[in-house]
Amino acid sequence: MTTATISKEFAFSASHQLTGLHEDHPCSRLHGHNYIIKVTITGEVVTPGFVIDYRELGWFKTYLDEQLDHRHLNDVIPGMNPTAENIAEFLLGIVQAILTDSPNVSGLAVSVSETPKTWATVTA
């Protein structure tokens, strides 16, 4: 049995405004990012040599495009302070719900980048 880790990147643009910060903190003001999302999947390599076929993640791109792209994250993910860490946790839950039927998958992670130099990763 061979175990491998694969990743696929996705992108969307959205605005947000963080709460709980001092009023002069730049993230407390309305602003936007070009988000990069990386889904990482660990599991047993199965026939024909995949952990999963990357095409099986097409639904995730559709979700990001239809639900988050060019939206205000405070409105579309209510009840959550949309930090990179919280967005990663939210998206991990969505990925987990879909991939629970893949018995060879043993680990999942979602990483969120708001800027070219910053990443937040949540794992399951």
PDB file of N, CA and C in Angstrom:
ATOM      1  N   MET A   1       0.841  -1.179   0.000  1.00  0.00           N
ATOM      2  CA  MET A   1       0.000   0.000   0.000  1.00  0.00           C
ATOM      3  C   MET A   1       0.888   1.245   0.000  1.00  0.00           C
ATOM      4  N   THR A   2       0.616   2.144  -0.914  1.00  0.00           N
ATOM      5  CA  THR A   2       1.343   3.408  -0.986  1.00  0.00           C
ATOM      6  C   THR A   2       0.421   4.525  -0.543  1.00  0.00           C
ATOM      7  N   THR A   3       0.948   5.417   0.287  1.00  0.00           N
ATOM      8  CA  THR A   3       0.212   6.596   0.712  1.00  0.00           C
ATOM      9  C   THR A   3       0.833   7.809   0.032  1.00  0.00           C
ATOM     10  N   ALA A   4       0.001   8.709  -0.425  1.00  0.00           N
ATOM     11  CA  ALA A   4       0.471   9.927  -1.076  1.00  0.00           C
ATOM     12  C   ALA A   4      -0.354  11.107  -0.595  1.00  0.00           C
ATOM     13  N   THR A   5       0.211  12.279  -0.768  1.00  0.00           N
ATOM     14  CA  THR A   5      -0.486  13.519  -0.473  1.00  0.00           C
ATOM     15  C   THR A   5      -0.542  14.337  -1.752  1.00  0.00           C
ATOM     16  N   ILE A   6      -1.742  14.766  -2.115  1.00  0.00           N
ATOM     17  CA  ILE A   6      -1.942  15.582  -3.311  1.00  0.00           C
ATOM     18  C   ILE A   6      -2.553  16.918  -2.902  1.00  0.00           C
ATOM     19  N   SER A   7      -2.376  17.914  -3.737  1.00  0.00           N
ATOM     20  CA  SER A   7      -2.944  19.235  -3.480  1.00  0.00           C
ATOM     21  C   SER A   7      -3.444  19.838  -4.777  1.00  0.00           C
ATOM     22  N   LYS A   8      -4.456  20.688  -4.651  1.00  0.00           N
ATOM     23  CA  LYS A   8      -4.947  21.445  -5.789  1.00  0.00           C
ATOM     24  C   LYS A   8      -5.299  22.840  -5.298  1.00  0.00           C
ATOM     25  N   GLU A   9      -4.924  23.848  -6.089  1.00  0.00           N
ATOM     26  CA  GLU A   9      -5.197  25.236  -5.737  1.00  0.00           C
ATOM     27  C   GLU A   9      -6.404  25.777  -6.493  1.00  0.00           C
ATOM     28  N   PHE A  10      -7.102  26.692  -5.825  1.00  0.00           N
ATOM     29  CA  PHE A  10      -8.268  27.373  -6.360  1.00  0.00           C
ATOM     30  C   PHE A  10      -8.138  28.850  -6.001  1.00  0.00           C
ATOM     31  N   ALA A  11      -8.906  29.697  -6.658  1.00  0.00           N
ATOM     32  CA  ALA A  11      -8.828  31.129  -6.368  1.00  0.00           C
ATOM     33  C   ALA A  11     -10.200  31.781  -6.448  1.00  0.00           C
ATOM     34  N   PHE A  12     -10.381  32.819  -5.641  1.00  0.00           N
ATOM     35  CA  PHE A  12     -11.557  33.672  -5.737  1.00  0.00           C
ATOM     36  C   PHE A  12     -11.212  35.025  -5.125  1.00  0.00           C
ATOM     37  N   SER A  13     -11.998  36.022  -5.434  1.00  0.00           N
ATOM     38  CA  SER A  13     -11.822  37.367  -4.883  1.00  0.00           C
ATOM     39  C   SER A  13     -13.056  37.715  -4.071  1.00  0.00           C
ATOM     40  N   ALA A  14     -12.834  38.331  -2.906  1.00  0.00           N
ATOM     41  CA  ALA A  14     -13.962  38.689  -2.049  1.00  0.00           C
ATOM     42  C   ALA A  14     -13.533  39.768  -1.063  1.00  0.00           C
ATOM     43  N   SER A  15     -14.535  40.426  -0.488  1.00  0.00           N
ATOM     44  CA  SER A  15     -14.277  41.404   0.569  1.00  0.00           C
ATOM     45  C   SER A  15     -14.623  40.798   1.917  1.00  0.00           C
ATOM     46  N   HIS A  16     -14.104  41.438   2.956  1.00  0.00           N
ATOM     47  CA  HIS A  16     -14.493  41.086   4.317  1.00  0.00           C
ATOM     48  C   HIS A  16     -14.105  42.224   5.243  1.00  0.00           C
ATOM     49  N   GLN A  17     -14.571  42.117   6.476  1.00  0.00           N
ATOM     50  CA  GLN A  17     -14.274  43.096   7.505  1.00  0.00           C
ATOM     51  C   GLN A  17     -14.209  42.321   8.812  1.00  0.00           C
ATOM     52  N   LEU A  18     -13.064  42.391   9.491  1.00  0.00           N
ATOM     53  CA  LEU A  18     -12.885  41.619  10.714  1.00  0.00           C
ATOM     54  C   LEU A  18     -13.383  42.388  11.927  1.00  0.00           C
ATOM     55  N   THR A  19     -13.998  41.666  12.843  1.00  0.00           N
ATOM     56  CA  THR A  19     -14.493  42.258  14.080  1.00  0.00           C
ATOM     57  C   THR A  19     -13.563  41.876  15.217  1.00  0.00           C
ATOM     58  N   GLY A  20     -13.679  42.604  16.330  1.00  0.00           N
ATOM     59  CA  GLY A  20     -12.888  42.293  17.504  1.00  0.00           C
ATOM     60  C   GLY A  20     -11.490  42.895  17.481  1.00  0.00           C
ATOM     61  N   LEU A  21     -11.224  43.747  16.509  1.00  0.00           N
ATOM     62  CA  LEU A  21      -9.927  44.405  16.413  1.00  0.00           C
ATOM     63  C   LEU A  21     -10.062  45.865  16.828  1.00  0.00           C
ATOM     64  N   HIS A  22      -8.954  46.466  17.204  1.00  0.00           N
ATOM     65  CA  HIS A  22      -8.967  47.899  17.508  1.00  0.00           C
ATOM     66  C   HIS A  22      -9.418  48.647  16.267  1.00  0.00           C
ATOM     67  N   GLU A  23     -10.183  49.709  16.440  1.00  0.00           N
ATOM     68  CA  GLU A  23     -10.776  50.407  15.302  1.00  0.00           C
ATOM     69  C   GLU A  23      -9.760  50.961  14.311  1.00  0.00           C
ATOM     70  N   ASP A  24      -8.511  51.165  14.729  1.00  0.00           N
ATOM     71  CA  ASP A  24      -7.514  51.676  13.784  1.00  0.00           C
ATOM     72  C   ASP A  24      -6.733  50.557  13.096  1.00  0.00           C
ATOM     73  N   HIS A  25      -7.086  49.298  13.384  1.00  0.00           N
ATOM     74  CA  HIS A  25      -6.439  48.171  12.703  1.00  0.00           C
ATOM     75  C   HIS A  25      -6.939  48.130  11.259  1.00  0.00           C
ATOM     76  N   PRO A  26      -6.040  47.998  10.271  1.00  0.00           N
ATOM     77  CA  PRO A  26      -6.496  48.019   8.876  1.00  0.00           C
ATOM     78  C   PRO A  26      -7.508  46.931   8.534  1.00  0.00           C
ATOM     79  N   CYS A  27      -7.457  45.786   9.203  1.00  0.00           N
ATOM     80  CA  CYS A  27      -8.400  44.703   8.888  1.00  0.00           C
ATOM     81  C   CYS A  27      -9.781  44.936   9.476  1.00  0.00           C
ATOM     82  N   SER A  28      -9.921  45.943  10.339  1.00  0.00           N
ATOM     83  CA  SER A  28     -11.255  46.258  10.858  1.00  0.00           C
ATOM     84  C   SER A  28     -12.062  47.061   9.848  1.00  0.00           C
ATOM     85  N   ARG A  29     -11.366  47.595   8.831  1.00  0.00           N
ATOM     86  CA  ARG A  29     -12.057  48.328   7.765  1.00  0.00           C
ATOM     87  C   ARG A  29     -12.453  47.347   6.656  1.00  0.00           C
ATOM     88  N   LEU A  30     -13.464  47.701   5.902  1.00  0.00           N
ATOM     89  CA  LEU A  30     -13.877  46.915   4.742  1.00  0.00           C
ATOM     90  C   LEU A  30     -12.721  46.879   3.738  1.00  0.00           C
ATOM     91  N   HIS A  31     -12.341  45.687   3.319  1.00  0.00           N
ATOM     92  CA  HIS A  31     -11.252  45.513   2.355  1.00  0.00           C
ATOM     93  C   HIS A  31     -11.422  44.172   1.659  1.00  0.00           C
ATOM     94  N   GLY A  32     -10.616  43.918   0.650  1.00  0.00           N
ATOM     95  CA  GLY A  32     -10.746  42.677  -0.106  1.00  0.00           C
ATOM     96  C   GLY A  32      -9.417  42.000  -0.349  1.00  0.00           C
ATOM     97  N   HIS A  33      -9.514  40.749  -0.796  1.00  0.00           N
ATOM     98  CA  HIS A  33      -8.336  39.935  -1.101  1.00  0.00           C
ATOM     99  C   HIS A  33      -8.601  39.104  -2.344  1.00  0.00           C
ATOM    100  N   ASN A  34      -7.531  38.737  -2.996  1.00  0.00           N
ATOM    101  CA  ASN A  34      -7.562  37.693  -4.017  1.00  0.00           C
ATOM    102  C   ASN A  34      -7.099  36.429  -3.308  1.00  0.00           C
ATOM    103  N   TYR A  35      -8.050  35.635  -2.862  1.00  0.00           N
ATOM    104  CA  TYR A  35      -7.764  34.453  -2.056  1.00  0.00           C
ATOM    105  C   TYR A  35      -7.238  33.311  -2.919  1.00  0.00           C
ATOM    106  N   ILE A  36      -6.271  32.588  -2.377  1.00  0.00           N
ATOM    107  CA  ILE A  36      -5.821  31.319  -2.937  1.00  0.00           C
ATOM    108  C   ILE A  36      -6.183  30.259  -1.907  1.00  0.00           C
ATOM    109  N   ILE A  37      -6.856  29.223  -2.350  1.00  0.00           N
ATOM    110  CA  ILE A  37      -7.269  28.116  -1.488  1.00  0.00           C
ATOM    111  C   ILE A  37      -6.546  26.871  -1.974  1.00  0.00           C
ATOM    112  N   LYS A  38      -5.932  26.146  -1.047  1.00  0.00           N
ATOM    113  CA  LYS A  38      -5.282  24.892  -1.407  1.00  0.00           C
ATOM    114  C   LYS A  38      -5.937  23.760  -0.625  1.00  0.00           C
ATOM    115  N   VAL A  39      -6.452  22.783  -1.353  1.00  0.00           N
ATOM    116  CA  VAL A  39      -7.024  21.580  -0.741  1.00  0.00           C
ATOM    117  C   VAL A  39      -5.962  20.493  -0.834  1.00  0.00           C
ATOM    118  N   THR A  40      -5.628  19.905   0.311  1.00  0.00           N
ATOM    119  CA  THR A  40      -4.609  18.855   0.383  1.00  0.00           C
ATOM    120  C   THR A  40      -5.270  17.587   0.906  1.00  0.00           C
ATOM    121  N   ILE A  41      -5.036  16.493   0.195  1.00  0.00           N
ATOM    122  CA  ILE A  41      -5.676  15.218   0.518  1.00  0.00           C
ATOM    123  C   ILE A  41      -4.601  14.155   0.637  1.00  0.00           C
ATOM    124  N   THR A  42      -4.615  13.427   1.732  1.00  0.00           N
ATOM    125  CA  THR A  42      -3.701  12.308   1.953  1.00  0.00           C
ATOM    126  C   THR A  42      -4.510  11.028   1.951  1.00  0.00           C
ATOM    127  N   GLY A  43      -3.952  10.010   1.321  1.00  0.00           N
ATOM    128  CA  GLY A  43      -4.654   8.737   1.312  1.00  0.00           C
ATOM    129  C   GLY A  43      -3.892   7.666   0.572  1.00  0.00           C
ATOM    130  N   GLU A  44      -4.506   6.514   0.559  1.00  0.00           N
ATOM    131  CA  GLU A  44      -3.943   5.363  -0.128  1.00  0.00           C
ATOM    132  C   GLU A  44      -4.105   5.547  -1.632  1.00  0.00           C
ATOM    133  N   VAL A  45      -3.044   5.257  -2.363  1.00  0.00           N
ATOM    134  CA  VAL A  45      -3.103   5.305  -3.820  1.00  0.00           C
ATOM    135  C   VAL A  45      -3.853   4.062  -4.290  1.00  0.00           C
ATOM    136  N   VAL A  46      -4.921   4.276  -5.051  1.00  0.00           N
ATOM    137  CA  VAL A  46      -5.747   3.181  -5.547  1.00  0.00           C
ATOM    138  C   VAL A  46      -5.764   3.219  -7.073  1.00  0.00           C
ATOM    139  N   THR A  47      -6.311   2.204  -7.667  1.00  0.00           N
ATOM    140  CA  THR A  47      -6.383   2.101  -9.123  1.00  0.00           C
ATOM    141  C   THR A  47      -7.136   3.295  -9.674  1.00  0.00           C
ATOM    142  N   PRO A  48      -6.642   3.961 -10.667  1.00  0.00           N
ATOM    143  CA  PRO A  48      -5.530   3.658 -11.559  1.00  0.00           C
ATOM    144  C   PRO A  48      -4.203   4.303 -11.149  1.00  0.00           C
ATOM    145  N   GLY A  49      -4.052   4.638  -9.864  1.00  0.00           N
ATOM    146  CA  GLY A  49      -2.827   5.269  -9.388  1.00  0.00           C
ATOM    147  C   GLY A  49      -3.068   6.628  -8.769  1.00  0.00           C
ATOM    148  N   PHE A  50      -4.307   6.899  -8.345  1.00  0.00           N
ATOM    149  CA  PHE A  50      -4.686   8.175  -7.744  1.00  0.00           C
ATOM    150  C   PHE A  50      -5.027   7.997  -6.266  1.00  0.00           C
ATOM    151  N   VAL A  51      -4.825   9.059  -5.483  1.00  0.00           N
ATOM    152  CA  VAL A  51      -5.504   9.156  -4.192  1.00  0.00           C
ATOM    153  C   VAL A  51      -6.960   9.464  -4.508  1.00  0.00           C
ATOM    154  N   ILE A  52      -7.178  10.526  -5.268  1.00  0.00           N
ATOM    155  CA  ILE A  52      -8.455  10.773  -5.940  1.00  0.00           C
ATOM    156  C   ILE A  52      -8.119  11.448  -7.264  1.00  0.00           C
ATOM    157  N   ASP A  53      -9.000  11.368  -8.203  1.00  0.00           N
ATOM    158  CA  ASP A  53      -8.837  12.057  -9.467  1.00  0.00           C
ATOM    159  C   ASP A  53      -9.056  13.552  -9.208  1.00  0.00           C
ATOM    160  N   TYR A  54      -8.115  14.401  -9.619  1.00  0.00           N
ATOM    161  CA  TYR A  54      -8.270  15.843  -9.414  1.00  0.00           C
ATOM    162  C   TYR A  54      -9.597  16.359  -9.960  1.00  0.00           C
ATOM    163  N   ARG A  55     -10.101  15.716 -10.987  1.00  0.00           N
ATOM    164  CA  ARG A  55     -11.381  16.138 -11.568  1.00  0.00           C
ATOM    165  C   ARG A  55     -12.526  16.025 -10.567  1.00  0.00           C
ATOM    166  N   GLU A  56     -12.358  15.153  -9.565  1.00  0.00           N
ATOM    167  CA  GLU A  56     -13.385  15.002  -8.538  1.00  0.00           C
ATOM    168  C   GLU A  56     -13.503  16.242  -7.649  1.00  0.00           C
ATOM    169  N   LEU A  57     -12.601  17.207  -7.804  1.00  0.00           N
ATOM    170  CA  LEU A  57     -12.670  18.442  -7.041  1.00  0.00           C
ATOM    171  C   LEU A  57     -13.302  19.587  -7.834  1.00  0.00           C
ATOM    172  N   GLY A  58     -13.804  19.285  -9.020  1.00  0.00           N
ATOM    173  CA  GLY A  58     -14.454  20.304  -9.834  1.00  0.00           C
ATOM    174  C   GLY A  58     -15.618  20.972  -9.121  1.00  0.00           C
ATOM    175  N   TRP A  59     -16.345  20.215  -8.322  1.00  0.00           N
ATOM    176  CA  TRP A  59     -17.470  20.749  -7.567  1.00  0.00           C
ATOM    177  C   TRP A  59     -17.014  21.874  -6.628  1.00  0.00           C
ATOM    178  N   PHE A  60     -15.773  21.763  -6.095  1.00  0.00           N
ATOM    179  CA  PHE A  60     -15.275  22.760  -5.146  1.00  0.00           C
ATOM    180  C   PHE A  60     -15.040  24.099  -5.855  1.00  0.00           C
ATOM    181  N   LYS A  61     -14.479  24.048  -7.051  1.00  0.00           N
ATOM    182  CA  LYS A  61     -14.304  25.266  -7.847  1.00  0.00           C
ATOM    183  C   LYS A  61     -15.661  25.913  -8.123  1.00  0.00           C
ATOM    184  N   THR A  62     -16.636  25.099  -8.483  1.00  0.00           N
ATOM    185  CA  THR A  62     -17.984  25.615  -8.735  1.00  0.00           C
ATOM    186  C   THR A  62     -18.545  26.274  -7.483  1.00  0.00           C
ATOM    187  N   TYR A  63     -18.362  25.633  -6.323  1.00  0.00           N
ATOM    188  CA  TYR A  63     -18.843  26.200  -5.064  1.00  0.00           C
ATOM    189  C   TYR A  63     -18.203  27.566  -4.815  1.00  0.00           C
ATOM    190  N   LEU A  64     -16.881  27.639  -4.934  1.00  0.00           N
ATOM    191  CA  LEU A  64     -16.196  28.910  -4.693  1.00  0.00           C
ATOM    192  C   LEU A  64     -16.682  29.985  -5.658  1.00  0.00           C
ATOM    193  N   ASP A  65     -16.802  29.637  -6.936  1.00  0.00           N
ATOM    194  CA  ASP A  65     -17.235  30.595  -7.955  1.00  0.00           C
ATOM    195  C   ASP A  65     -18.655  31.097  -7.705  1.00  0.00           C
ATOM    196  N   GLU A  66     -19.541  30.202  -7.310  1.00  0.00           N
ATOM    197  CA  GLU A  66     -20.949  30.567  -7.162  1.00  0.00           C
ATOM    198  C   GLU A  66     -21.296  31.161  -5.804  1.00  0.00           C
ATOM    199  N   GLN A  67     -20.588  30.739  -4.756  1.00  0.00           N
ATOM    200  CA  GLN A  67     -20.974  31.148  -3.409  1.00  0.00           C
ATOM    201  C   GLN A  67     -20.085  32.221  -2.784  1.00  0.00           C
ATOM    202  N   LEU A  68     -18.795  32.274  -3.170  1.00  0.00           N
ATOM    203  CA  LEU A  68     -17.877  33.183  -2.488  1.00  0.00           C
ATOM    204  C   LEU A  68     -17.256  34.242  -3.389  1.00  0.00           C
ATOM    205  N   ASP A  69     -17.072  33.944  -4.651  1.00  0.00           N
ATOM    206  CA  ASP A  69     -16.360  34.858  -5.531  1.00  0.00           C
ATOM    207  C   ASP A  69     -17.115  36.181  -5.702  1.00  0.00           C
ATOM    208  N   HIS A  70     -16.379  37.283  -5.519  1.00  0.00           N
ATOM    209  CA  HIS A  70     -16.914  38.632  -5.648  1.00  0.00           C
ATOM    210  C   HIS A  70     -18.124  38.865  -4.737  1.00  0.00           C
ATOM    211  N   ARG A  71     -18.003  38.352  -3.533  1.00  0.00           N
ATOM    212  CA  ARG A  71     -19.037  38.542  -2.512  1.00  0.00           C
ATOM    213  C   ARG A  71     -18.386  39.129  -1.259  1.00  0.00           C
ATOM    214  N   HIS A  72     -19.219  39.550  -0.327  1.00  0.00           N
ATOM    215  CA  HIS A  72     -18.762  40.037   0.979  1.00  0.00           C
ATOM    216  C   HIS A  72     -18.872  38.862   1.947  1.00  0.00           C
ATOM    217  N   LEU A  73     -17.735  38.341   2.390  1.00  0.00           N
ATOM    218  CA  LEU A  73     -17.732  37.100   3.174  1.00  0.00           C
ATOM    219  C   LEU A  73     -18.513  37.221   4.475  1.00  0.00           C
ATOM    220  N   ASN A  74     -18.567  38.401   5.064  1.00  0.00           N
ATOM    221  CA  ASN A  74     -19.360  38.573   6.284  1.00  0.00           C
ATOM    222  C   ASN A  74     -20.835  38.273   6.041  1.00  0.00           C
ATOM    223  N   ASP A  75     -21.298  38.478   4.814  1.00  0.00           N
ATOM    224  CA  ASP A  75     -22.700  38.227   4.478  1.00  0.00           C
ATOM    225  C   ASP A  75     -22.962  36.788   4.069  1.00  0.00           C
ATOM    226  N   VAL A  76     -22.017  36.156   3.373  1.00  0.00           N
ATOM    227  CA  VAL A  76     -22.281  34.809   2.841  1.00  0.00           C
ATOM    228  C   VAL A  76     -21.855  33.694   3.793  1.00  0.00           C
ATOM    229  N   ILE A  77     -21.069  34.025   4.798  1.00  0.00           N
ATOM    230  CA  ILE A  77     -20.721  33.051   5.847  1.00  0.00           C
ATOM    231  C   ILE A  77     -21.108  33.691   7.183  1.00  0.00           C
ATOM    232  N   PRO A  78     -22.407  33.796   7.446  1.00  0.00           N
ATOM    233  CA  PRO A  78     -22.867  34.517   8.631  1.00  0.00           C
ATOM    234  C   PRO A  78     -22.427  33.850   9.931  1.00  0.00           C
ATOM    235  N   GLY A  79     -22.230  34.691  10.942  1.00  0.00           N
ATOM    236  CA  GLY A  79     -21.878  34.181  12.260  1.00  0.00           C
ATOM    237  C   GLY A  79     -20.417  33.836  12.414  1.00  0.00           C
ATOM    238  N   MET A  80     -19.595  34.164  11.426  1.00  0.00           N
ATOM    239  CA  MET A  80     -18.178  33.830  11.488  1.00  0.00           C
ATOM    240  C   MET A  80     -17.366  35.087  11.221  1.00  0.00           C
ATOM    241  N   ASN A  81     -16.373  35.344  12.038  1.00  0.00           N
ATOM    242  CA  ASN A  81     -15.411  36.400  11.765  1.00  0.00           C
ATOM    243  C   ASN A  81     -14.490  35.859  10.669  1.00  0.00           C
ATOM    244  N   PRO A  82     -14.549  36.395   9.453  1.00  0.00           N
ATOM    245  CA  PRO A  82     -13.881  35.760   8.311  1.00  0.00           C
ATOM    246  C   PRO A  82     -12.366  35.972   8.251  1.00  0.00           C
ATOM    247  N   THR A  83     -11.675  35.483   9.282  1.00  0.00           N
ATOM    248  CA  THR A  83     -10.214  35.438   9.248  1.00  0.00           C
ATOM    249  C   THR A  83      -9.791  34.308   8.324  1.00  0.00           C
ATOM    250  N   ALA A  84      -8.547  34.294   7.916  1.00  0.00           N
ATOM    251  CA  ALA A  84      -8.055  33.207   7.062  1.00  0.00           C
ATOM    252  C   ALA A  84      -8.229  31.858   7.757  1.00  0.00           C
ATOM    253  N   GLU A  85      -7.970  31.820   9.064  1.00  0.00           N
ATOM    254  CA  GLU A  85      -8.102  30.574   9.819  1.00  0.00           C
ATOM    255  C   GLU A  85      -9.551  30.088   9.834  1.00  0.00           C
ATOM    256  N   ASN A  86     -10.486  31.005  10.063  1.00  0.00           N
ATOM    257  CA  ASN A  86     -11.900  30.624  10.098  1.00  0.00           C
ATOM    258  C   ASN A  86     -12.425  30.237   8.722  1.00  0.00           C
ATOM    259  N   ILE A  87     -11.968  30.924   7.683  1.00  0.00           N
ATOM    260  CA  ILE A  87     -12.368  30.549   6.329  1.00  0.00           C
ATOM    261  C   ILE A  87     -11.846  29.154   6.009  1.00  0.00           C
ATOM    262  N   ALA A  88     -10.602  28.858   6.393  1.00  0.00           N
ATOM    263  CA  ALA A  88     -10.033  27.524   6.160  1.00  0.00           C
ATOM    264  C   ALA A  88     -10.851  26.454   6.881  1.00  0.00           C
ATOM    265  N   GLU A  89     -11.238  26.718   8.117  1.00  0.00           N
ATOM    266  CA  GLU A  89     -12.036  25.744   8.872  1.00  0.00           C
ATOM    267  C   GLU A  89     -13.403  25.536   8.214  1.00  0.00           C
ATOM    268  N   PHE A  90     -14.032  26.618   7.791  1.00  0.00           N
ATOM    269  CA  PHE A  90     -15.327  26.546   7.116  1.00  0.00           C
ATOM    270  C   PHE A  90     -15.229  25.713   5.835  1.00  0.00           C
ATOM    271  N   LEU A  91     -14.220  26.003   5.015  1.00  0.00           N
ATOM    272  CA  LEU A  91     -14.059  25.274   3.750  1.00  0.00           C
ATOM    273  C   LEU A  91     -13.658  23.824   3.982  1.00  0.00           C
ATOM    274  N   LEU A  92     -12.886  23.554   5.034  1.00  0.00           N
ATOM    275  CA  LEU A  92     -12.541  22.170   5.364  1.00  0.00           C
ATOM    276  C   LEU A  92     -13.808  21.369   5.654  1.00  0.00           C
ATOM    277  N   GLY A  93     -14.752  21.955   6.367  1.00  0.00           N
ATOM    278  CA  GLY A  93     -16.010  21.262   6.651  1.00  0.00           C
ATOM    279  C   GLY A  93     -16.767  20.909   5.388  1.00  0.00           C
ATOM    280  N   ILE A  94     -16.734  21.792   4.413  1.00  0.00           N
ATOM    281  CA  ILE A  94     -17.405  21.527   3.138  1.00  0.00           C
ATOM    282  C   ILE A  94     -16.711  20.393   2.397  1.00  0.00           C
ATOM    283  N   VAL A  95     -15.383  20.431   2.361  1.00  0.00           N
ATOM    284  CA  VAL A  95     -14.621  19.362   1.685  1.00  0.00           C
ATOM    285  C   VAL A  95     -14.833  18.032   2.402  1.00  0.00           C
ATOM    286  N   GLN A  96     -14.794  18.037   3.720  1.00  0.00           N
ATOM    287  CA  GLN A  96     -15.014  16.800   4.490  1.00  0.00           C
ATOM    288  C   GLN A  96     -16.368  16.187   4.178  1.00  0.00           C
ATOM    289  N   ALA A  97     -17.394  16.998   4.106  1.00  0.00           N
ATOM    290  CA  ALA A  97     -18.750  16.485   3.862  1.00  0.00           C
ATOM    291  C   ALA A  97     -18.830  15.746   2.530  1.00  0.00           C
ATOM    292  N   ILE A  98     -18.105  16.199   1.532  1.00  0.00           N
ATOM    293  CA  ILE A  98     -18.150  15.563   0.218  1.00  0.00           C
ATOM    294  C   ILE A  98     -17.244  14.335   0.155  1.00  0.00           C
ATOM    295  N   LEU A  99     -16.078  14.412   0.787  1.00  0.00           N
ATOM    296  CA  LEU A  99     -15.100  13.315   0.648  1.00  0.00           C
ATOM    297  C   LEU A  99     -15.239  12.217   1.698  1.00  0.00           C
ATOM    298  N   THR A 100     -16.286  12.266   2.517  1.00  0.00           N
ATOM    299  CA  THR A 100     -16.469  11.221   3.521  1.00  0.00           C
ATOM    300  C   THR A 100     -16.722   9.860   2.892  1.00  0.00           C
ATOM    301  N   ASP A 101     -17.149   9.833   1.632  1.00  0.00           N
ATOM    302  CA  ASP A 101     -17.415   8.566   0.957  1.00  0.00           C
ATOM    303  C   ASP A 101     -16.177   7.976   0.287  1.00  0.00           C
ATOM    304  N   SER A 102     -15.018   8.604   0.462  1.00  0.00           N
ATOM    305  CA  SER A 102     -13.770   8.099  -0.130  1.00  0.00           C
ATOM    306  C   SER A 102     -13.007   7.331   0.937  1.00  0.00           C
ATOM    307  N   PRO A 103     -13.146   5.991   0.960  1.00  0.00           N
ATOM    308  CA  PRO A 103     -12.563   5.209   2.058  1.00  0.00           C
ATOM    309  C   PRO A 103     -11.030   5.230   2.084  1.00  0.00           C
ATOM    310  N   ASN A 104     -10.386   5.570   0.992  1.00  0.00           N
ATOM    311  CA  ASN A 104      -8.929   5.580   0.981  1.00  0.00           C
ATOM    312  C   ASN A 104      -8.349   6.902   1.471  1.00  0.00           C
ATOM    313  N   VAL A 105      -9.186   7.923   1.687  1.00  0.00           N
ATOM    314  CA  VAL A 105      -8.703   9.225   2.151  1.00  0.00           C
ATOM    315  C   VAL A 105      -8.515   9.169   3.664  1.00  0.00           C
ATOM    316  N   SER A 106      -7.296   9.511   4.110  1.00  0.00           N
ATOM    317  CA  SER A 106      -6.996   9.448   5.537  1.00  0.00           C
ATOM    318  C   SER A 106      -6.717  10.809   6.161  1.00  0.00           C
ATOM    319  N   GLY A 107      -6.534  11.827   5.353  1.00  0.00           N
ATOM    320  CA  GLY A 107      -6.265  13.153   5.899  1.00  0.00           C
ATOM    321  C   GLY A 107      -6.646  14.249   4.933  1.00  0.00           C
ATOM    322  N   LEU A 108      -7.117  15.350   5.485  1.00  0.00           N
ATOM    323  CA  LEU A 108      -7.514  16.506   4.680  1.00  0.00           C
ATOM    324  C   LEU A 108      -6.963  17.768   5.318  1.00  0.00           C
ATOM    325  N   ALA A 109      -6.650  18.735   4.475  1.00  0.00           N
ATOM    326  CA  ALA A 109      -6.268  20.060   4.955  1.00  0.00           C
ATOM    327  C   ALA A 109      -6.760  21.081   3.943  1.00  0.00           C
ATOM    328  N   VAL A 110      -7.107  22.244   4.452  1.00  0.00           N
ATOM    329  CA  VAL A 110      -7.435  23.374   3.594  1.00  0.00           C
ATOM    330  C   VAL A 110      -6.581  24.543   4.054  1.00  0.00           C
ATOM    331  N   SER A 111      -5.899  25.160   3.102  1.00  0.00           N
ATOM    332  CA  SER A 111      -5.065  26.330   3.370  1.00  0.00           C
ATOM    333  C   SER A 111      -5.668  27.529   2.654  1.00  0.00           C
ATOM    334  N   VAL A 112      -5.588  28.678   3.313  1.00  0.00           N
ATOM    335  CA  VAL A 112      -6.113  29.919   2.762  1.00  0.00           C
ATOM    336  C   VAL A 112      -5.004  30.958   2.779  1.00  0.00           C
ATOM    337  N   SER A 113      -4.798  31.584   1.615  1.00  0.00           N
ATOM    338  CA  SER A 113      -3.842  32.680   1.495  1.00  0.00           C
ATOM    339  C   SER A 113      -4.601  33.940   1.132  1.00  0.00           C
ATOM    340  N   GLU A 114      -4.373  34.998   1.923  1.00  0.00           N
ATOM    341  CA  GLU A 114      -4.965  36.296   1.617  1.00  0.00           C
ATOM    342  C   GLU A 114      -3.985  37.188   0.867  1.00  0.00           C
ATOM    343  N   THR A 115      -2.709  36.955   1.079  1.00  0.00           N
ATOM    344  CA  THR A 115      -1.649  37.716   0.422  1.00  0.00           C
ATOM    345  C   THR A 115      -0.573  36.724  -0.013  1.00  0.00           C
ATOM    346  N   PRO A 116       0.307  37.113  -0.915  1.00  0.00           N
ATOM    347  CA  PRO A 116       1.343  36.171  -1.373  1.00  0.00           C
ATOM    348  C   PRO A 116       2.251  35.637  -0.276  1.00  0.00           C
ATOM    349  N   LYS A 117       2.283  36.307   0.879  1.00  0.00           N
ATOM    350  CA  LYS A 117       3.206  35.893   1.940  1.00  0.00           C
ATOM    351  C   LYS A 117       2.529  35.268   3.152  1.00  0.00           C
ATOM    352  N   THR A 118       1.184  35.108   3.123  1.00  0.00           N
ATOM    353  CA  THR A 118       0.509  34.590   4.314  1.00  0.00           C
ATOM    354  C   THR A 118      -0.366  33.392   3.966  1.00  0.00           C
ATOM    355  N   TRP A 119      -0.351  32.400   4.866  1.00  0.00           N
ATOM    356  CA  TRP A 119      -1.181  31.195   4.726  1.00  0.00           C
ATOM    357  C   TRP A 119      -1.699  30.781   6.100  1.00  0.00           C
ATOM    358  N   ALA A 120      -2.925  30.277   6.126  1.00  0.00           N
ATOM    359  CA  ALA A 120      -3.500  29.625   7.308  1.00  0.00           C
ATOM    360  C   ALA A 120      -3.962  28.252   6.857  1.00  0.00           C
ATOM    361  N   THR A 121      -3.607  27.221   7.619  1.00  0.00           N
ATOM    362  CA  THR A 121      -3.957  25.847   7.264  1.00  0.00           C
ATOM    363  C   THR A 121      -4.691  25.190   8.417  1.00  0.00           C
ATOM    364  N   VAL A 122      -5.805  24.530   8.102  1.00  0.00           N
ATOM    365  CA  VAL A 122      -6.574  23.754   9.078  1.00  0.00           C
ATOM    366  C   VAL A 122      -6.594  22.313   8.573  1.00  0.00           C
ATOM    367  N   THR A 123      -6.342  21.362   9.467  1.00  0.00           N
ATOM    368  CA  THR A 123      -6.263  19.952   9.078  1.00  0.00           C
ATOM    369  C   THR A 123      -7.308  19.132   9.820  1.00  0.00           C
ATOM    370  N   ALA A 124      -7.634  18.005   9.203  1.00  0.00           N
ATOM    371  CA  ALA A 124      -8.563  17.049   9.828  1.00  0.00           C
ATOM    372  C   ALA A 124      -7.942  15.673   9.775  1.00  0.00           C
TER     373      ALA A 124
END
